[in-house]
């Protein structure tokens, strides 16, 4: 009961901070999500601290922050879209910096640092594509909707799994997840997506919201399983201890890392 209370209290505070930052202003969004990126990327890099692989934390965190700041400035209209290409040379710095570190496994170090940028920094930076429209106006409704779908999926999958879970979804990677939980949570999330489209975002057709709900469920599941695979390799229960009862930042945002690029791709191509 004590653990449930701590978990619930942390969850409420976490949701309040995320929603509050989105609703308050574009500046609070930028500050909070930049901190989310730094915290999540740092936890990813720390997964390797007991291994022989030593990614460059300083350059990875610096370039990851630059990713987010550039996406924010472009989204808000301060910089033109062409500045996206200006990020490419900074990726090359990961290779150059490694020459001066004199570490055992330079290739693995570079690869891990770039993986962190692609896996964590880029998707979180892409949240700017959801909160700034084509006219560079700030509107957090799409990102709020995506969070609502993911949180509905996570919560209902947990409840359905606890109540009816018998068949393991992917036992080798995540022994506690069940097909019953995934299906129950998935259907609940798709219903939530339809509700959002029907009552709050009618400018996007309901069929698109149903598809977005389905895409979010599938990608969020694989995002969660991917992080579980990483933790299993390093024999870790959580990616960190920042959020009591919930683990770390990477534990809370793993679903979003796969869902954001997938949902944005669908919106750009079909909506």
Protein backbone atom coordinates (compact mmCIF):
# COMPACT_ATOMS: atom_id res chain seq x y z
CA UNK A 1 0.00 0.00 0.00
CA UNK A 2 2.87 2.37 0.81
CA UNK A 3 4.46 1.70 -2.59
CA UNK A 4 1.11 2.27 -4.32
CA UNK A 5 0.68 5.58 -2.48
CA UNK A 6 4.18 6.75 -3.44
CA UNK A 7 3.67 5.62 -7.03
CA UNK A 8 0.31 7.41 -7.25
CA UNK A 9 1.67 10.62 -5.71
CA UNK A 10 4.65 10.64 -8.06
CA UNK A 11 2.42 9.93 -11.05
CA UNK A 12 0.08 12.82 -10.19
CA UNK A 13 3.00 15.23 -9.76
CA UNK A 14 4.60 14.03 -13.01
CA UNK A 15 1.38 14.47 -15.01
CA UNK A 16 0.77 17.89 -13.43
CA UNK A 17 4.23 19.12 -14.43
CA UNK A 18 3.91 17.86 -18.01
CA UNK A 19 0.39 19.22 -18.55
CA UNK A 20 1.13 22.44 -16.67
CA UNK A 21 4.22 23.14 -18.76
CA UNK A 22 2.28 22.59 -22.00
CA UNK A 23 -0.67 24.74 -21.00
CA UNK A 24 1.29 27.60 -19.42
CA UNK A 25 3.32 28.82 -22.40
CA UNK A 26 5.74 27.88 -25.15
CA UNK A 27 8.58 28.93 -22.83
CA UNK A 28 7.59 26.58 -20.01
CA UNK A 29 7.16 23.80 -22.59
CA UNK A 30 10.65 24.43 -23.97
CA UNK A 31 12.26 24.53 -20.53
CA UNK A 32 10.55 21.41 -19.15
CA UNK A 33 11.02 19.29 -22.27
CA UNK A 34 14.65 20.35 -22.65
CA UNK A 35 15.18 19.11 -19.08
CA UNK A 36 13.28 15.93 -19.97
CA UNK A 37 15.62 15.39 -22.93
CA UNK A 38 18.74 15.95 -20.82
CA UNK A 39 17.51 13.69 -18.01
CA UNK A 40 16.37 10.91 -20.34
CA UNK A 41 19.50 10.99 -22.49
CA UNK A 42 21.70 11.03 -19.39
CA UNK A 43 19.96 7.92 -18.07
CA UNK A 44 20.44 6.18 -21.41
CA UNK A 45 24.16 6.95 -21.39
CA UNK A 46 24.44 5.84 -17.75
CA UNK A 47 23.16 2.38 -18.70
CA UNK A 48 26.70 1.72 -19.95
CA UNK A 49 28.57 2.92 -16.85
CA UNK A 50 29.36 -0.61 -15.65
CA UNK A 51 30.39 -1.82 -19.12
CA UNK A 52 33.58 -1.34 -21.11
CA UNK A 53 31.74 1.09 -23.42
CA UNK A 54 32.21 4.74 -22.49
CA UNK A 55 30.08 7.16 -24.57
CA UNK A 56 31.02 10.82 -24.52
CA UNK A 57 28.49 12.29 -22.09
CA UNK A 58 29.54 15.91 -22.58
CA UNK A 59 29.20 15.92 -26.37
CA UNK A 60 26.09 13.73 -26.40
CA UNK A 61 24.21 15.93 -23.94
CA UNK A 62 25.44 19.11 -25.60
CA UNK A 63 24.45 18.04 -29.11
CA UNK A 64 21.16 16.59 -27.84
CA UNK A 65 20.33 19.95 -26.24
CA UNK A 66 21.28 21.70 -29.48
CA UNK A 67 18.85 19.42 -31.33
CA UNK A 68 15.98 20.53 -29.12
CA UNK A 69 16.88 24.23 -29.16
CA UNK A 70 17.16 24.21 -32.97
CA UNK A 71 13.79 22.46 -33.39
CA UNK A 72 12.24 25.00 -30.98
CA UNK A 73 13.67 28.03 -32.78
CA UNK A 74 12.56 26.68 -36.17
CA UNK A 75 9.12 25.72 -34.88
CA UNK A 76 8.57 29.18 -33.39
CA UNK A 77 9.66 30.86 -36.64
CA UNK A 78 12.88 32.42 -35.32
CA UNK A 79 15.05 30.29 -37.62
CA UNK A 80 14.24 29.06 -41.16
CA UNK A 81 13.76 25.35 -41.87
CA UNK A 82 17.16 25.16 -43.58
CA UNK A 83 18.80 25.19 -40.15
CA UNK A 84 17.81 21.54 -39.70
CA UNK A 85 20.71 20.72 -42.03
CA UNK A 86 23.03 22.67 -39.74
CA UNK A 87 22.70 19.87 -37.18
CA UNK A 88 24.47 17.34 -39.41
CA UNK A 89 28.04 18.65 -38.87
CA UNK A 90 27.54 18.44 -35.10
CA UNK A 91 27.00 14.70 -35.42
CA UNK A 92 30.45 14.49 -36.98
CA UNK A 93 31.87 16.05 -33.82
CA UNK A 94 31.09 12.77 -32.06
CA UNK A 95 33.68 11.09 -34.29
CA UNK A 96 36.25 13.87 -34.00
CA UNK A 97 35.97 14.19 -30.21
CA UNK A 98 36.53 10.45 -29.79
CA UNK A 99 39.99 10.75 -31.34
CA UNK A 100 41.12 12.81 -28.34
CA UNK A 101 39.62 10.65 -25.57
CA UNK A 102 42.04 7.69 -25.84
CA UNK A 103 39.44 5.17 -24.69
CA UNK A 104 39.44 1.40 -25.24
CA UNK A 105 36.55 1.05 -27.66
CA UNK A 106 36.25 4.22 -29.75
CA UNK A 107 33.86 2.72 -32.32
CA UNK A 108 31.44 1.45 -29.67
CA UNK A 109 31.70 4.76 -27.81
CA UNK A 110 30.83 6.77 -30.92
CA UNK A 111 28.05 4.40 -31.90
CA UNK A 112 26.47 4.55 -28.43
CA UNK A 113 26.58 8.35 -28.35
CA UNK A 114 24.94 8.65 -31.79
CA UNK A 115 22.40 5.97 -30.85
CA UNK A 116 21.45 8.08 -27.83
CA UNK A 117 20.90 11.10 -30.06
CA UNK A 118 18.73 9.16 -32.51
CA UNK A 119 16.87 7.14 -29.88
CA UNK A 120 16.26 9.88 -27.29
CA UNK A 121 17.23 13.39 -28.39
CA UNK A 122 15.66 13.41 -31.85
CA UNK A 123 12.17 12.13 -30.86
CA UNK A 124 11.93 14.50 -27.89
CA UNK A 125 13.10 17.38 -30.09
CA UNK A 126 10.38 16.45 -32.57
CA UNK A 127 7.72 17.33 -29.98
CA UNK A 128 8.19 20.84 -31.36
CA UNK A 129 6.64 19.66 -34.64
CA UNK A 130 3.46 18.87 -32.71
CA UNK A 131 3.19 22.05 -30.62
CA UNK A 132 4.03 24.61 -33.34
CA UNK A 133 1.74 24.74 -36.39
CA UNK A 134 2.65 25.72 -39.95
CA UNK A 135 2.17 29.39 -39.05
CA UNK A 136 4.60 29.05 -36.10
CA UNK A 137 1.84 29.50 -33.54
CA UNK A 138 2.08 27.57 -30.30
CA UNK A 139 -0.72 25.02 -29.81
CA UNK A 140 -0.03 22.10 -27.46
CA UNK A 141 -3.32 20.25 -28.15
CA UNK A 142 -1.81 17.56 -30.40
CA UNK A 143 0.95 16.71 -27.95
CA UNK A 144 -1.53 16.70 -25.07
CA UNK A 145 -3.72 14.32 -27.08
CA UNK A 146 -0.77 11.99 -27.68
CA UNK A 147 0.04 11.96 -23.96
CA UNK A 148 -3.61 11.24 -23.15
CA UNK A 149 -3.62 8.25 -25.53
CA UNK A 150 -0.35 6.85 -24.17
CA UNK A 151 -1.34 7.34 -20.52
CA UNK A 152 -4.70 5.69 -21.19
CA UNK A 153 -2.93 2.76 -22.81
CA UNK A 154 -0.40 2.37 -19.98
CA UNK A 155 -3.00 2.63 -17.20
CA UNK A 156 -5.56 0.33 -18.79
CA UNK A 157 -2.94 -2.19 -19.90
CA UNK A 158 -1.79 -2.39 -16.27
CA UNK A 159 -5.36 -2.84 -14.98
CA UNK A 160 -6.36 -5.41 -17.61
CA UNK A 161 -3.08 -7.23 -17.19
CA UNK A 162 -3.45 -7.42 -13.41
CA UNK A 163 -7.06 -8.61 -13.69
CA UNK A 164 -6.98 -10.96 -16.68
CA UNK A 165 -3.36 -11.43 -17.75
CA UNK A 166 -2.48 -15.06 -18.48
CA UNK A 167 -0.68 -15.10 -21.82
CA UNK A 168 2.73 -13.41 -21.92
CA UNK A 169 3.23 -10.79 -24.61
CA UNK A 170 7.03 -11.08 -24.90
CA UNK A 171 8.22 -13.15 -21.95
CA UNK A 172 11.90 -13.20 -22.94
CA UNK A 173 12.10 -9.40 -22.70
CA UNK A 174 9.29 -8.36 -20.35
CA UNK A 175 7.86 -11.26 -18.31
CA UNK A 176 5.05 -9.23 -16.71
CA UNK A 177 3.38 -7.89 -19.85
CA UNK A 178 0.42 -9.89 -21.13
CA UNK A 179 -1.62 -10.04 -24.32
CA UNK A 180 -4.74 -9.39 -22.27
CA UNK A 181 -3.23 -6.20 -20.89
CA UNK A 182 -1.99 -5.05 -24.29
CA UNK A 183 -5.34 -5.70 -26.00
CA UNK A 184 -7.42 -4.16 -23.20
CA UNK A 185 -5.13 -1.14 -22.97
CA UNK A 186 -4.97 -0.83 -26.74
CA UNK A 187 -8.74 -0.80 -27.22
CA UNK A 188 -9.09 1.74 -24.39
CA UNK A 189 -6.46 3.98 -26.00
CA UNK A 190 -8.17 3.81 -29.40
CA UNK A 191 -11.47 4.77 -27.75
CA UNK A 192 -9.68 7.69 -26.07
CA UNK A 193 -8.28 8.74 -29.45
CA UNK A 194 -11.81 8.70 -30.94
CA UNK A 195 -13.15 10.74 -28.00
CA UNK A 196 -10.38 13.31 -28.50
CA UNK A 197 -11.15 13.56 -32.21
CA UNK A 198 -14.92 13.68 -31.78
CA UNK A 199 -15.12 16.19 -28.93
CA UNK A 200 -11.85 18.14 -28.82
CA UNK A 201 -10.17 17.97 -32.25
CA UNK A 202 -13.02 17.74 -34.81
CA UNK A 203 -10.89 19.46 -37.49
CA UNK A 204 -9.09 16.12 -37.86
CA UNK A 205 -11.48 13.37 -38.99
CA UNK A 206 -12.35 10.65 -36.46
CA UNK A 207 -10.98 7.92 -38.72
CA UNK A 208 -7.57 9.59 -38.57
CA UNK A 209 -7.74 9.68 -34.78
CA UNK A 210 -8.60 5.98 -34.67
CA UNK A 211 -5.58 5.25 -36.88
CA UNK A 212 -3.40 7.54 -34.74
CA UNK A 213 -4.61 5.64 -31.67
CA UNK A 214 -3.66 2.32 -33.28
CA UNK A 215 -0.24 3.62 -34.39
CA UNK A 216 0.40 4.97 -30.88
CA UNK A 217 -0.50 1.66 -29.23
CA UNK A 218 1.78 -0.39 -31.51
CA UNK A 219 4.75 1.99 -31.38
CA UNK A 220 4.38 2.65 -27.65
CA UNK A 221 4.45 -1.10 -27.01
CA UNK A 222 7.64 -1.55 -29.00
CA UNK A 223 9.15 1.53 -27.38
CA UNK A 224 8.49 0.02 -23.96
CA UNK A 225 9.85 -3.38 -25.01
CA UNK A 226 12.97 -1.80 -26.50
CA UNK A 227 13.81 -0.10 -23.21
CA UNK A 228 13.09 -3.37 -21.37
CA UNK A 229 15.57 -5.09 -23.71
CA UNK A 230 18.23 -2.50 -22.84
CA UNK A 231 17.65 -2.86 -19.11
CA UNK A 232 17.66 -6.65 -19.36
CA UNK A 233 21.07 -6.55 -21.05
CA UNK A 234 22.48 -4.58 -18.12
CA UNK A 235 20.42 -6.47 -15.50
CA UNK A 236 18.64 -3.32 -14.31
CA UNK A 237 15.10 -3.01 -12.97
CA UNK A 238 14.80 0.73 -13.67
CA UNK A 239 16.75 3.21 -15.79
CA UNK A 240 17.04 5.54 -12.79
CA UNK A 241 15.59 6.53 -9.41
CA UNK A 242 14.44 10.08 -10.11
CA UNK A 243 10.71 9.24 -9.93
CA UNK A 244 9.89 7.19 -6.78
CA UNK A 245 7.74 4.20 -7.65
CA UNK A 246 8.23 4.78 -11.38
CA UNK A 247 11.96 4.49 -11.91
CA UNK A 248 13.68 7.01 -14.13
CA UNK A 249 12.90 9.43 -16.93
CA UNK A 250 13.66 6.85 -19.60
CA UNK A 251 11.17 4.49 -17.96
CA UNK A 252 8.45 7.15 -18.26
CA UNK A 253 9.21 8.34 -21.79
CA UNK A 254 10.20 5.08 -23.51
CA UNK A 255 6.77 4.74 -25.16
CA UNK A 256 6.85 8.32 -26.42
CA UNK A 257 10.24 7.87 -28.12
CA UNK A 258 8.73 5.53 -30.71
CA UNK A 259 5.27 7.09 -30.86
CA UNK A 260 6.26 10.70 -31.64
CA UNK A 261 8.10 10.12 -34.96
CA UNK A 262 5.47 7.60 -36.11
CA UNK A 263 2.48 9.86 -35.35
CA UNK A 264 4.19 12.88 -36.92
CA UNK A 265 4.93 10.88 -40.07
CA UNK A 266 1.27 9.87 -40.34
CA UNK A 267 0.06 13.44 -39.77
CA UNK A 268 2.45 14.83 -42.41
CA UNK A 269 1.56 12.21 -45.02
CA UNK A 270 -2.19 11.72 -44.58
CA UNK A 271 -3.79 14.56 -42.58
